[in-house]
Each structure stands twice: as C-alpha cells, then as structure tokens.
Amino acid sequence: MKASRFGIPAAMIMAMAKAVVAVNRNLVNRPAEMLERANSIFLYLKSRGWRRMMTALSLEIDNVGGELKCANAGQCFPVVVSDHGLDLRYIRAVGMPLGNVLKKGYNETSDRLNPGETLILYTDGIIEAADSHGNVFDFARFEELLKNAWNEDLETYWQGIIAAYRAWSPMQDDDVTFLMVSYER
C-alpha cells in the first residue's frame, strides 16, 4: 500500500470539522444549518489565504419513526438498500463542498427508512477504483455489488462489499469509507 496523498493537511481539516460539529451540535436545528456553519469557517479561513475544501454530509435520523433529513456538501449520494438487496434508491441531496461561496444555503432532502432497509454512506474511493486495465468500477457496478452482496448482517454485508472491491482493484489509491445503518423497529 502506498502512502496517503492526503497527509497532514487532510488530518488538520478533519480535526477542524470534528471541532465544528462538537461545538455546534446542540446549537443547530437542521443538517443544512450544520453545513452552513462549517462552510462559514472554511470561507473565513479562505479569506486568510487557506486554500482547502472538504466534502461532507450532515444527516439526522429519527430512530423511532425512520424519518431522515440530509444535507450534502459534495459527498456521494447516500443509498438505501431494501427488499433483501433487490431494490435500492439514492437520497439525492446536492450541495457544493465546504469552502465554496454559495448563492444560497445548503438544501435539505427528506426521506424515510422502512424496517429492514439499510442506509449506506460511502466515499468515492470504491466508485473511482480502477482494475489492472484501467477500467473504473463506476456506479453501475457499485449498484450490482450492493444488491449481490446483500446480507441482513451488516458485518457480513460489508465483508462481501470489500472482498469484491479488493478483487476488482489491485491497489487502493483512495480512501474507501463506509457507514452502514440497518433500520429495525
């Protein structure tokens, strides 16, 4: 495995983002508001010569009723897998990465998780992974993988996903981050 291309600057951005969430988590009422506050800090730093951006996603889930609200700052669309892997839908929340001047604030998208559905948040590392011939994994293969690897046990589901990724891509050159949430009442 080669050294990360992100390094210390990326670690500093993540530390700053965690601080923004920690300070604001009880002060904001909506996921879009969290991104707006984080973006204002990035824009302030940009005005002082700091040239960094960051993708982010702010998500609120009602663990009783399954309702969710999502605001996106350049991340991949969350995907919901249902019907034992036979169906999936994207939560199409659109927004610019943090550090961009916005003409209007971040939009919020609402959805609902139904019992038995799995919500997956992920980075683009698996989508953009290339095989030994330079072919990109892409969203069509990703969707088929999510359907074919489906398992109600999230650890087993994840193991199937990462095994297929490793079989496709001989070398990991980007981060592959997943957060999987299974909704049960």
N, C-alpha and C. Protein backbone atom coordinates (compact mmCIF):
# COMPACT_ATOMS: atom_id res chain seq x y z
N MET A 1 0.85 -1.17 0.00
CA MET A 1 0.00 0.00 0.00
C MET A 1 0.90 1.24 0.00
N LYS A 2 0.58 2.20 -0.85
CA LYS A 2 1.40 3.40 -0.90
C LYS A 2 0.95 4.43 0.13
N ALA A 3 1.78 5.40 0.38
CA ALA A 3 1.48 6.44 1.36
C ALA A 3 0.29 7.28 0.90
N SER A 4 -0.47 7.76 1.84
CA SER A 4 -1.63 8.57 1.54
C SER A 4 -1.24 9.88 0.87
N ARG A 5 -2.05 10.28 -0.09
CA ARG A 5 -1.80 11.57 -0.76
C ARG A 5 -2.43 12.71 0.01
N PHE A 6 -3.10 12.40 1.10
CA PHE A 6 -3.81 13.43 1.84
C PHE A 6 -2.95 14.00 2.97
N GLY A 7 -2.40 13.16 3.81
CA GLY A 7 -1.45 13.55 4.83
C GLY A 7 -1.93 14.53 5.89
N ILE A 8 -0.99 15.33 6.37
CA ILE A 8 -1.23 16.24 7.48
C ILE A 8 -2.29 17.30 7.17
N PRO A 9 -2.29 17.94 5.99
CA PRO A 9 -3.35 18.92 5.73
C PRO A 9 -4.75 18.33 5.85
N ALA A 10 -4.95 17.11 5.34
CA ALA A 10 -6.26 16.47 5.44
C ALA A 10 -6.60 16.15 6.89
N ALA A 11 -5.62 15.73 7.66
CA ALA A 11 -5.85 15.44 9.08
C ALA A 11 -6.25 16.71 9.82
N MET A 12 -5.64 17.82 9.47
CA MET A 12 -6.00 19.10 10.10
C MET A 12 -7.43 19.50 9.75
N ILE A 13 -7.82 19.28 8.50
CA ILE A 13 -9.18 19.60 8.09
C ILE A 13 -10.18 18.74 8.86
N MET A 14 -9.89 17.46 8.99
CA MET A 14 -10.79 16.57 9.73
C MET A 14 -10.90 16.98 11.20
N ALA A 15 -9.79 17.35 11.81
CA ALA A 15 -9.83 17.79 13.20
C ALA A 15 -10.69 19.05 13.33
N MET A 16 -10.55 19.96 12.37
CA MET A 16 -11.34 21.18 12.40
C MET A 16 -12.83 20.85 12.22
N ALA A 17 -13.14 19.95 11.31
CA ALA A 17 -14.53 19.57 11.06
C ALA A 17 -15.15 18.94 12.32
N LYS A 18 -14.39 18.08 12.98
CA LYS A 18 -14.89 17.47 14.21
C LYS A 18 -15.15 18.53 15.28
N ALA A 19 -14.29 19.53 15.35
CA ALA A 19 -14.49 20.62 16.32
C ALA A 19 -15.75 21.41 15.98
N VAL A 20 -15.99 21.67 14.71
CA VAL A 20 -17.19 22.40 14.30
C VAL A 20 -18.44 21.63 14.74
N VAL A 21 -18.45 20.33 14.52
CA VAL A 21 -19.60 19.51 14.91
C VAL A 21 -19.75 19.50 16.43
N ALA A 22 -18.66 19.32 17.15
CA ALA A 22 -18.72 19.26 18.61
C ALA A 22 -19.25 20.56 19.20
N VAL A 23 -18.80 21.69 18.68
CA VAL A 23 -19.21 22.98 19.21
C VAL A 23 -20.66 23.30 18.85
N ASN A 24 -21.09 22.90 17.66
CA ASN A 24 -22.40 23.31 17.15
C ASN A 24 -23.52 22.28 17.30
N ARG A 25 -23.23 21.09 17.74
CA ARG A 25 -24.24 20.03 17.70
C ARG A 25 -25.50 20.34 18.50
N ASN A 26 -25.39 21.11 19.56
CA ASN A 26 -26.58 21.48 20.34
C ASN A 26 -27.12 22.86 19.96
N LEU A 27 -26.46 23.53 19.02
CA LEU A 27 -26.87 24.88 18.64
C LEU A 27 -27.62 24.93 17.31
N VAL A 28 -27.57 23.87 16.54
CA VAL A 28 -28.21 23.86 15.22
C VAL A 28 -29.45 22.97 15.27
N ASN A 29 -30.42 23.29 14.42
CA ASN A 29 -31.67 22.54 14.40
C ASN A 29 -31.85 21.68 13.16
N ARG A 30 -30.98 21.88 12.17
CA ARG A 30 -31.14 21.17 10.90
C ARG A 30 -29.78 20.77 10.35
N PRO A 31 -29.72 19.67 9.59
CA PRO A 31 -28.45 19.28 8.96
C PRO A 31 -27.88 20.37 8.05
N ALA A 32 -28.75 21.08 7.32
CA ALA A 32 -28.26 22.14 6.43
C ALA A 32 -27.59 23.26 7.23
N GLU A 33 -28.12 23.55 8.39
CA GLU A 33 -27.53 24.59 9.24
C GLU A 33 -26.13 24.20 9.71
N MET A 34 -25.92 22.91 9.99
CA MET A 34 -24.58 22.45 10.39
C MET A 34 -23.58 22.70 9.27
N LEU A 35 -23.97 22.37 8.04
CA LEU A 35 -23.06 22.59 6.91
C LEU A 35 -22.83 24.08 6.68
N GLU A 36 -23.85 24.90 6.85
CA GLU A 36 -23.70 26.35 6.67
C GLU A 36 -22.70 26.92 7.68
N ARG A 37 -22.78 26.46 8.92
CA ARG A 37 -21.82 26.93 9.94
C ARG A 37 -20.39 26.46 9.60
N ALA A 38 -20.26 25.22 9.20
CA ALA A 38 -18.94 24.71 8.83
C ALA A 38 -18.40 25.47 7.62
N ASN A 39 -19.25 25.74 6.64
CA ASN A 39 -18.81 26.45 5.45
C ASN A 39 -18.36 27.87 5.79
N SER A 40 -19.03 28.51 6.73
CA SER A 40 -18.62 29.87 7.09
C SER A 40 -17.20 29.88 7.67
N ILE A 41 -16.83 28.83 8.39
CA ILE A 41 -15.48 28.75 8.93
C ILE A 41 -14.48 28.53 7.80
N PHE A 42 -14.81 27.64 6.87
CA PHE A 42 -13.93 27.42 5.71
C PHE A 42 -13.76 28.71 4.90
N LEU A 43 -14.85 29.46 4.71
CA LEU A 43 -14.75 30.70 3.95
C LEU A 43 -13.92 31.75 4.68
N TYR A 44 -14.04 31.80 6.00
CA TYR A 44 -13.20 32.72 6.78
C TYR A 44 -11.72 32.36 6.58
N LEU A 45 -11.40 31.08 6.70
CA LEU A 45 -10.01 30.65 6.52
C LEU A 45 -9.53 30.92 5.09
N LYS A 46 -10.42 30.75 4.13
CA LYS A 46 -10.08 31.03 2.73
C LYS A 46 -9.74 32.50 2.54
N SER A 47 -10.46 33.38 3.23
CA SER A 47 -10.18 34.82 3.14
C SER A 47 -8.82 35.16 3.74
N ARG A 48 -8.27 34.26 4.55
CA ARG A 48 -6.96 34.46 5.17
C ARG A 48 -5.87 33.69 4.43
N GLY A 49 -6.20 33.18 3.22
CA GLY A 49 -5.19 32.55 2.39
C GLY A 49 -5.14 31.04 2.44
N TRP A 50 -6.02 30.42 3.18
CA TRP A 50 -6.04 28.97 3.32
C TRP A 50 -6.85 28.39 2.18
N ARG A 51 -6.28 27.57 1.34
CA ARG A 51 -6.91 27.08 0.11
C ARG A 51 -7.30 25.61 0.20
N ARG A 52 -8.18 25.30 1.07
CA ARG A 52 -8.64 23.92 1.23
C ARG A 52 -10.15 23.85 1.14
N MET A 53 -10.63 22.70 0.66
CA MET A 53 -12.06 22.42 0.64
C MET A 53 -12.27 21.05 1.26
N MET A 54 -13.53 20.72 1.52
CA MET A 54 -13.84 19.43 2.12
C MET A 54 -15.25 19.03 1.73
N THR A 55 -15.44 17.78 1.40
CA THR A 55 -16.79 17.28 1.20
C THR A 55 -17.32 16.80 2.55
N ALA A 56 -18.62 16.89 2.72
CA ALA A 56 -19.24 16.50 3.99
C ALA A 56 -20.71 16.17 3.75
N LEU A 57 -21.27 15.46 4.69
CA LEU A 57 -22.68 15.13 4.66
C LEU A 57 -23.19 15.27 6.09
N SER A 58 -24.31 15.94 6.26
CA SER A 58 -24.92 16.08 7.58
C SER A 58 -26.26 15.36 7.53
N LEU A 59 -26.46 14.47 8.49
CA LEU A 59 -27.62 13.58 8.44
C LEU A 59 -28.25 13.50 9.82
N GLU A 60 -29.57 13.54 9.84
CA GLU A 60 -30.33 13.38 11.08
C GLU A 60 -31.33 12.25 10.85
N ILE A 61 -31.32 11.25 11.73
CA ILE A 61 -32.23 10.11 11.61
C ILE A 61 -33.07 10.01 12.88
N ASP A 62 -34.38 9.91 12.70
CA ASP A 62 -35.29 9.64 13.80
C ASP A 62 -35.32 8.13 13.98
N ASN A 63 -34.71 7.64 15.05
CA ASN A 63 -34.59 6.19 15.21
C ASN A 63 -35.89 5.52 15.62
N VAL A 64 -36.94 6.30 15.89
CA VAL A 64 -38.23 5.71 16.21
C VAL A 64 -39.09 5.56 14.95
N GLY A 65 -39.20 6.64 14.18
CA GLY A 65 -40.07 6.61 13.00
C GLY A 65 -39.37 6.38 11.69
N GLY A 66 -38.03 6.46 11.67
CA GLY A 66 -37.28 6.23 10.45
C GLY A 66 -37.11 7.43 9.55
N GLU A 67 -37.70 8.59 9.92
CA GLU A 67 -37.54 9.77 9.08
C GLU A 67 -36.09 10.24 9.13
N LEU A 68 -35.63 10.73 7.98
CA LEU A 68 -34.28 11.27 7.95
C LEU A 68 -34.25 12.56 7.16
N LYS A 69 -33.33 13.43 7.55
CA LYS A 69 -33.06 14.68 6.85
C LYS A 69 -31.58 14.69 6.52
N CYS A 70 -31.27 15.11 5.31
CA CYS A 70 -29.90 15.04 4.82
C CYS A 70 -29.54 16.33 4.10
N ALA A 71 -28.36 16.85 4.37
CA ALA A 71 -27.79 17.97 3.63
C ALA A 71 -26.40 17.54 3.17
N ASN A 72 -26.07 17.89 1.94
CA ASN A 72 -24.85 17.37 1.33
C ASN A 72 -23.94 18.50 0.88
N ALA A 73 -22.66 18.33 1.14
CA ALA A 73 -21.64 19.27 0.68
C ALA A 73 -20.63 18.49 -0.17
N GLY A 74 -21.11 17.97 -1.30
CA GLY A 74 -20.21 17.33 -2.26
C GLY A 74 -19.92 15.86 -2.06
N GLN A 75 -20.57 15.20 -1.12
CA GLN A 75 -20.36 13.77 -0.91
C GLN A 75 -21.20 12.96 -1.90
N CYS A 76 -20.88 11.69 -2.03
CA CYS A 76 -21.70 10.78 -2.82
C CYS A 76 -23.09 10.70 -2.19
N PHE A 77 -24.11 10.51 -3.04
CA PHE A 77 -25.47 10.39 -2.53
C PHE A 77 -25.59 9.15 -1.65
N PRO A 78 -26.19 9.28 -0.47
CA PRO A 78 -26.46 8.09 0.34
C PRO A 78 -27.37 7.15 -0.45
N VAL A 79 -27.24 5.87 -0.18
CA VAL A 79 -28.07 4.87 -0.87
C VAL A 79 -28.79 4.03 0.17
N VAL A 80 -30.04 3.72 -0.12
CA VAL A 80 -30.85 2.87 0.75
C VAL A 80 -31.10 1.57 -0.01
N VAL A 81 -30.72 0.46 0.62
CA VAL A 81 -30.91 -0.86 0.03
C VAL A 81 -32.08 -1.52 0.76
N SER A 82 -33.05 -2.03 -0.03
CA SER A 82 -34.23 -2.63 0.59
C SER A 82 -34.58 -3.95 -0.09
N ASP A 83 -35.64 -4.56 0.40
CA ASP A 83 -36.18 -5.79 -0.16
C ASP A 83 -35.10 -6.85 -0.33
N HIS A 84 -34.33 -7.06 0.73
CA HIS A 84 -33.26 -8.07 0.76
C HIS A 84 -32.26 -7.90 -0.38
N GLY A 85 -31.94 -6.64 -0.70
CA GLY A 85 -30.95 -6.36 -1.72
C GLY A 85 -31.51 -6.29 -3.13
N LEU A 86 -32.80 -6.46 -3.31
CA LEU A 86 -33.37 -6.45 -4.65
C LEU A 86 -33.63 -5.04 -5.18
N ASP A 87 -33.70 -4.06 -4.28
CA ASP A 87 -34.02 -2.70 -4.70
C ASP A 87 -33.09 -1.73 -3.97
N LEU A 88 -32.80 -0.62 -4.64
CA LEU A 88 -32.06 0.45 -3.97
C LEU A 88 -32.51 1.79 -4.52
N ARG A 89 -32.32 2.80 -3.68
CA ARG A 89 -32.63 4.17 -4.09
C ARG A 89 -31.59 5.10 -3.50
N TYR A 90 -31.28 6.16 -4.24
CA TYR A 90 -30.36 7.17 -3.76
C TYR A 90 -31.13 8.29 -3.09
N ILE A 91 -30.56 8.86 -2.07
CA ILE A 91 -31.09 10.07 -1.46
C ILE A 91 -30.35 11.22 -2.14
N ARG A 92 -31.01 11.84 -3.08
CA ARG A 92 -30.37 12.83 -3.96
C ARG A 92 -30.28 14.20 -3.31
N ALA A 93 -29.37 14.30 -2.37
CA ALA A 93 -29.07 15.57 -1.70
C ALA A 93 -27.85 16.17 -2.40
N VAL A 94 -28.00 17.38 -2.91
CA VAL A 94 -26.96 18.02 -3.72
C VAL A 94 -26.43 19.24 -2.99
N GLY A 95 -25.13 19.48 -3.07
CA GLY A 95 -24.54 20.68 -2.49
C GLY A 95 -23.06 20.77 -2.80
N MET A 96 -22.53 21.97 -2.76
CA MET A 96 -21.12 22.22 -3.04
C MET A 96 -20.26 21.89 -1.82
N PRO A 97 -19.01 21.45 -2.05
CA PRO A 97 -18.11 21.18 -0.92
C PRO A 97 -17.92 22.41 -0.04
N LEU A 98 -17.57 22.17 1.21
CA LEU A 98 -17.28 23.25 2.14
C LEU A 98 -16.07 24.03 1.62
N GLY A 99 -16.14 25.34 1.73
CA GLY A 99 -15.07 26.20 1.24
C GLY A 99 -15.44 26.92 -0.04
N ASN A 100 -16.68 26.73 -0.50
CA ASN A 100 -17.18 27.41 -1.70
C ASN A 100 -18.16 28.49 -1.30
N VAL A 101 -18.12 29.61 -2.02
CA VAL A 101 -19.10 30.67 -1.81
C VAL A 101 -20.42 30.18 -2.40
N LEU A 102 -21.47 30.25 -1.60
CA LEU A 102 -22.78 29.77 -2.03
C LEU A 102 -23.71 30.93 -2.31
N LYS A 103 -24.50 30.83 -3.38
CA LYS A 103 -25.50 31.85 -3.67
C LYS A 103 -26.69 31.70 -2.74
N LYS A 104 -26.94 30.48 -2.30
CA LYS A 104 -27.97 30.21 -1.31
C LYS A 104 -27.44 29.12 -0.39
N GLY A 105 -28.11 28.88 0.71
CA GLY A 105 -27.64 27.90 1.68
C GLY A 105 -27.73 26.48 1.16
N TYR A 106 -27.37 25.56 2.00
CA TYR A 106 -27.45 24.14 1.66
C TYR A 106 -28.91 23.68 1.70
N ASN A 107 -29.28 22.84 0.75
CA ASN A 107 -30.62 22.27 0.70
C ASN A 107 -30.70 21.05 1.58
N GLU A 108 -31.90 20.78 2.04
CA GLU A 108 -32.13 19.59 2.83
C GLU A 108 -33.08 18.67 2.08
N THR A 109 -32.80 17.40 2.12
CA THR A 109 -33.64 16.38 1.49
C THR A 109 -34.18 15.49 2.59
N SER A 110 -35.44 15.13 2.47
CA SER A 110 -36.07 14.24 3.46
C SER A 110 -36.34 12.89 2.82
N ASP A 111 -36.35 11.87 3.65
CA ASP A 111 -36.65 10.52 3.21
C ASP A 111 -37.10 9.75 4.44
N ARG A 112 -37.44 8.51 4.25
CA ARG A 112 -37.84 7.66 5.37
C ARG A 112 -37.24 6.28 5.18
N LEU A 113 -36.68 5.76 6.26
CA LEU A 113 -36.20 4.38 6.27
C LEU A 113 -37.32 3.48 6.76
N ASN A 114 -37.54 2.40 6.07
CA ASN A 114 -38.55 1.42 6.47
C ASN A 114 -37.85 0.25 7.14
N PRO A 115 -38.57 -0.46 7.99
CA PRO A 115 -37.96 -1.61 8.66
C PRO A 115 -37.33 -2.57 7.64
N GLY A 116 -36.10 -3.01 7.95
CA GLY A 116 -35.37 -3.92 7.08
C GLY A 116 -34.49 -3.24 6.05
N GLU A 117 -34.58 -1.91 5.94
CA GLU A 117 -33.75 -1.20 4.97
C GLU A 117 -32.39 -0.86 5.58
N THR A 118 -31.40 -0.78 4.70
CA THR A 118 -30.04 -0.44 5.11
C THR A 118 -29.62 0.85 4.41
N LEU A 119 -29.21 1.81 5.19
CA LEU A 119 -28.70 3.09 4.68
C LEU A 119 -27.18 2.97 4.60
N ILE A 120 -26.63 3.35 3.44
CA ILE A 120 -25.18 3.27 3.25
C ILE A 120 -24.64 4.65 2.86
N LEU A 121 -23.70 5.12 3.65
CA LEU A 121 -22.93 6.33 3.34
C LEU A 121 -21.54 5.84 2.94
N TYR A 122 -20.97 6.45 1.93
CA TYR A 122 -19.71 5.94 1.39
C TYR A 122 -18.95 7.08 0.70
N THR A 123 -17.65 6.89 0.57
CA THR A 123 -16.83 7.84 -0.18
C THR A 123 -16.65 7.32 -1.60
N ASP A 124 -16.12 8.15 -2.46
CA ASP A 124 -16.00 7.80 -3.88
C ASP A 124 -14.84 6.85 -4.19
N GLY A 125 -14.09 6.44 -3.19
CA GLY A 125 -12.94 5.56 -3.44
C GLY A 125 -13.30 4.27 -4.14
N ILE A 126 -14.44 3.68 -3.80
CA ILE A 126 -14.83 2.43 -4.45
C ILE A 126 -15.37 2.71 -5.86
N ILE A 127 -16.07 3.81 -6.05
CA ILE A 127 -16.66 4.15 -7.35
C ILE A 127 -15.56 4.42 -8.37
N GLU A 128 -14.51 5.10 -7.94
CA GLU A 128 -13.43 5.51 -8.84
C GLU A 128 -12.28 4.51 -8.91
N ALA A 129 -12.39 3.38 -8.19
CA ALA A 129 -11.33 2.38 -8.20
C ALA A 129 -11.14 1.80 -9.61
N ALA A 130 -9.89 1.62 -10.00
CA ALA A 130 -9.58 1.08 -11.33
C ALA A 130 -9.03 -0.34 -11.21
N ASP A 131 -9.38 -1.16 -12.20
CA ASP A 131 -8.82 -2.51 -12.24
C ASP A 131 -7.44 -2.46 -12.92
N SER A 132 -6.82 -3.60 -13.14
CA SER A 132 -5.47 -3.63 -13.71
C SER A 132 -5.41 -3.13 -15.15
N HIS A 133 -6.57 -3.00 -15.81
CA HIS A 133 -6.62 -2.49 -17.18
C HIS A 133 -7.04 -1.01 -17.23
N GLY A 134 -7.25 -0.40 -16.07
CA GLY A 134 -7.65 1.00 -16.02
C GLY A 134 -9.15 1.23 -16.09
N ASN A 135 -9.96 0.18 -16.08
CA ASN A 135 -11.41 0.33 -16.09
C ASN A 135 -11.89 0.77 -14.71
N VAL A 136 -12.76 1.76 -14.68
CA VAL A 136 -13.27 2.30 -13.42
C VAL A 136 -14.44 1.45 -12.94
N PHE A 137 -14.55 1.25 -11.63
CA PHE A 137 -15.61 0.43 -11.05
C PHE A 137 -16.98 1.00 -11.39
N ASP A 138 -17.22 2.25 -11.23
CA ASP A 138 -18.40 3.05 -11.58
C ASP A 138 -19.65 2.70 -10.77
N PHE A 139 -20.68 3.53 -10.94
CA PHE A 139 -21.92 3.37 -10.17
C PHE A 139 -22.72 2.14 -10.57
N ALA A 140 -22.73 1.76 -11.83
CA ALA A 140 -23.50 0.58 -12.24
C ALA A 140 -22.97 -0.67 -11.54
N ARG A 141 -21.65 -0.84 -11.51
CA ARG A 141 -21.07 -1.99 -10.81
C ARG A 141 -21.31 -1.90 -9.31
N PHE A 142 -21.24 -0.68 -8.77
CA PHE A 142 -21.49 -0.46 -7.35
C PHE A 142 -22.91 -0.90 -6.98
N GLU A 143 -23.88 -0.52 -7.79
CA GLU A 143 -25.26 -0.89 -7.52
C GLU A 143 -25.44 -2.41 -7.57
N GLU A 144 -24.84 -3.05 -8.56
CA GLU A 144 -24.92 -4.51 -8.65
C GLU A 144 -24.25 -5.17 -7.45
N LEU A 145 -23.13 -4.61 -7.03
CA LEU A 145 -22.43 -5.15 -5.87
C LEU A 145 -23.30 -5.04 -4.62
N LEU A 146 -23.93 -3.88 -4.41
CA LEU A 146 -24.78 -3.72 -3.23
C LEU A 146 -25.94 -4.71 -3.23
N LYS A 147 -26.47 -5.00 -4.40
CA LYS A 147 -27.56 -5.97 -4.50
C LYS A 147 -27.06 -7.40 -4.28
N ASN A 148 -25.96 -7.76 -4.95
CA ASN A 148 -25.46 -9.14 -4.88
C ASN A 148 -24.83 -9.51 -3.54
N ALA A 149 -24.22 -8.54 -2.87
CA ALA A 149 -23.55 -8.82 -1.60
C ALA A 149 -24.51 -8.72 -0.41
N TRP A 150 -25.75 -8.32 -0.65
CA TRP A 150 -26.67 -8.03 0.45
C TRP A 150 -26.74 -9.16 1.46
N ASN A 151 -26.75 -8.75 2.72
CA ASN A 151 -26.94 -9.68 3.83
C ASN A 151 -27.55 -8.88 4.96
N GLU A 152 -28.47 -9.45 5.70
CA GLU A 152 -29.08 -8.70 6.80
C GLU A 152 -28.08 -8.42 7.92
N ASP A 153 -27.04 -9.23 8.03
CA ASP A 153 -25.97 -8.98 9.00
C ASP A 153 -25.00 -7.97 8.37
N LEU A 154 -24.88 -6.79 8.96
CA LEU A 154 -24.07 -5.73 8.35
C LEU A 154 -22.60 -6.09 8.23
N GLU A 155 -22.06 -6.84 9.16
CA GLU A 155 -20.65 -7.24 9.06
C GLU A 155 -20.45 -8.16 7.86
N THR A 156 -21.35 -9.10 7.67
CA THR A 156 -21.26 -10.00 6.52
C THR A 156 -21.46 -9.21 5.22
N TYR A 157 -22.41 -8.28 5.23
CA TYR A 157 -22.66 -7.44 4.07
C TYR A 157 -21.40 -6.66 3.70
N TRP A 158 -20.78 -6.03 4.70
CA TRP A 158 -19.55 -5.27 4.47
C TRP A 158 -18.44 -6.16 3.94
N GLN A 159 -18.26 -7.33 4.52
CA GLN A 159 -17.20 -8.24 4.07
C GLN A 159 -17.38 -8.61 2.60
N GLY A 160 -18.61 -8.80 2.16
CA GLY A 160 -18.87 -9.08 0.75
C GLY A 160 -18.53 -7.91 -0.15
N ILE A 161 -18.84 -6.70 0.31
CA ILE A 161 -18.54 -5.49 -0.46
C ILE A 161 -17.03 -5.29 -0.59
N ILE A 162 -16.32 -5.36 0.52
CA ILE A 162 -14.89 -5.07 0.49
C ILE A 162 -14.13 -6.18 -0.25
N ALA A 163 -14.60 -7.42 -0.17
CA ALA A 163 -13.95 -8.51 -0.91
C ALA A 163 -14.08 -8.27 -2.42
N ALA A 164 -15.25 -7.85 -2.87
CA ALA A 164 -15.44 -7.57 -4.30
C ALA A 164 -14.60 -6.38 -4.74
N TYR A 165 -14.50 -5.36 -3.90
CA TYR A 165 -13.66 -4.20 -4.20
C TYR A 165 -12.20 -4.64 -4.36
N ARG A 166 -11.71 -5.42 -3.42
CA ARG A 166 -10.31 -5.87 -3.47
C ARG A 166 -10.03 -6.78 -4.66
N ALA A 167 -11.04 -7.56 -5.05
CA ALA A 167 -10.88 -8.41 -6.24
C ALA A 167 -10.82 -7.55 -7.51
N TRP A 168 -11.51 -6.44 -7.51
CA TRP A 168 -11.54 -5.55 -8.68
C TRP A 168 -10.26 -4.72 -8.78
N SER A 169 -9.88 -4.11 -7.68
CA SER A 169 -8.78 -3.14 -7.70
C SER A 169 -7.52 -3.72 -7.06
N PRO A 170 -6.46 -3.89 -7.84
CA PRO A 170 -5.23 -4.48 -7.30
C PRO A 170 -4.52 -3.58 -6.28
N MET A 171 -4.83 -2.27 -6.34
CA MET A 171 -4.15 -1.34 -5.43
C MET A 171 -5.13 -0.26 -4.99
N GLN A 172 -5.18 -0.03 -3.70
CA GLN A 172 -6.05 1.02 -3.17
C GLN A 172 -5.32 2.35 -3.25
N ASP A 173 -5.87 3.30 -4.04
CA ASP A 173 -5.21 4.60 -4.17
C ASP A 173 -6.09 5.75 -3.68
N ASP A 174 -7.19 5.42 -3.04
CA ASP A 174 -8.06 6.43 -2.45
C ASP A 174 -8.72 5.80 -1.23
N ASP A 175 -9.28 6.66 -0.37
CA ASP A 175 -9.94 6.11 0.81
C ASP A 175 -11.23 5.40 0.41
N VAL A 176 -11.55 4.36 1.15
CA VAL A 176 -12.80 3.64 0.98
C VAL A 176 -13.45 3.62 2.36
N THR A 177 -14.42 4.50 2.53
CA THR A 177 -15.07 4.65 3.83
C THR A 177 -16.55 4.33 3.67
N PHE A 178 -17.08 3.52 4.56
CA PHE A 178 -18.49 3.14 4.56
C PHE A 178 -19.05 3.32 5.96
N LEU A 179 -20.30 3.75 6.01
CA LEU A 179 -21.08 3.72 7.24
C LEU A 179 -22.40 3.08 6.84
N MET A 180 -22.74 1.98 7.51
CA MET A 180 -23.95 1.23 7.18
C MET A 180 -24.86 1.22 8.39
N VAL A 181 -26.14 1.56 8.17
CA VAL A 181 -27.12 1.59 9.25
C VAL A 181 -28.31 0.75 8.82
N SER A 182 -28.65 -0.24 9.62
CA SER A 182 -29.82 -1.06 9.35
C SER A 182 -30.95 -0.55 10.23
N TYR A 183 -32.10 -0.27 9.61
CA TYR A 183 -33.22 0.25 10.38
C TYR A 183 -34.19 -0.87 10.74
N GLU A 184 -34.36 -1.10 12.02
CA GLU A 184 -35.30 -2.08 12.54
C GLU A 184 -36.14 -1.40 13.60
N ARG A 185 -37.39 -1.73 13.67
CA ARG A 185 -38.25 -1.16 14.73
C ARG A 185 -38.26 -2.06 15.92
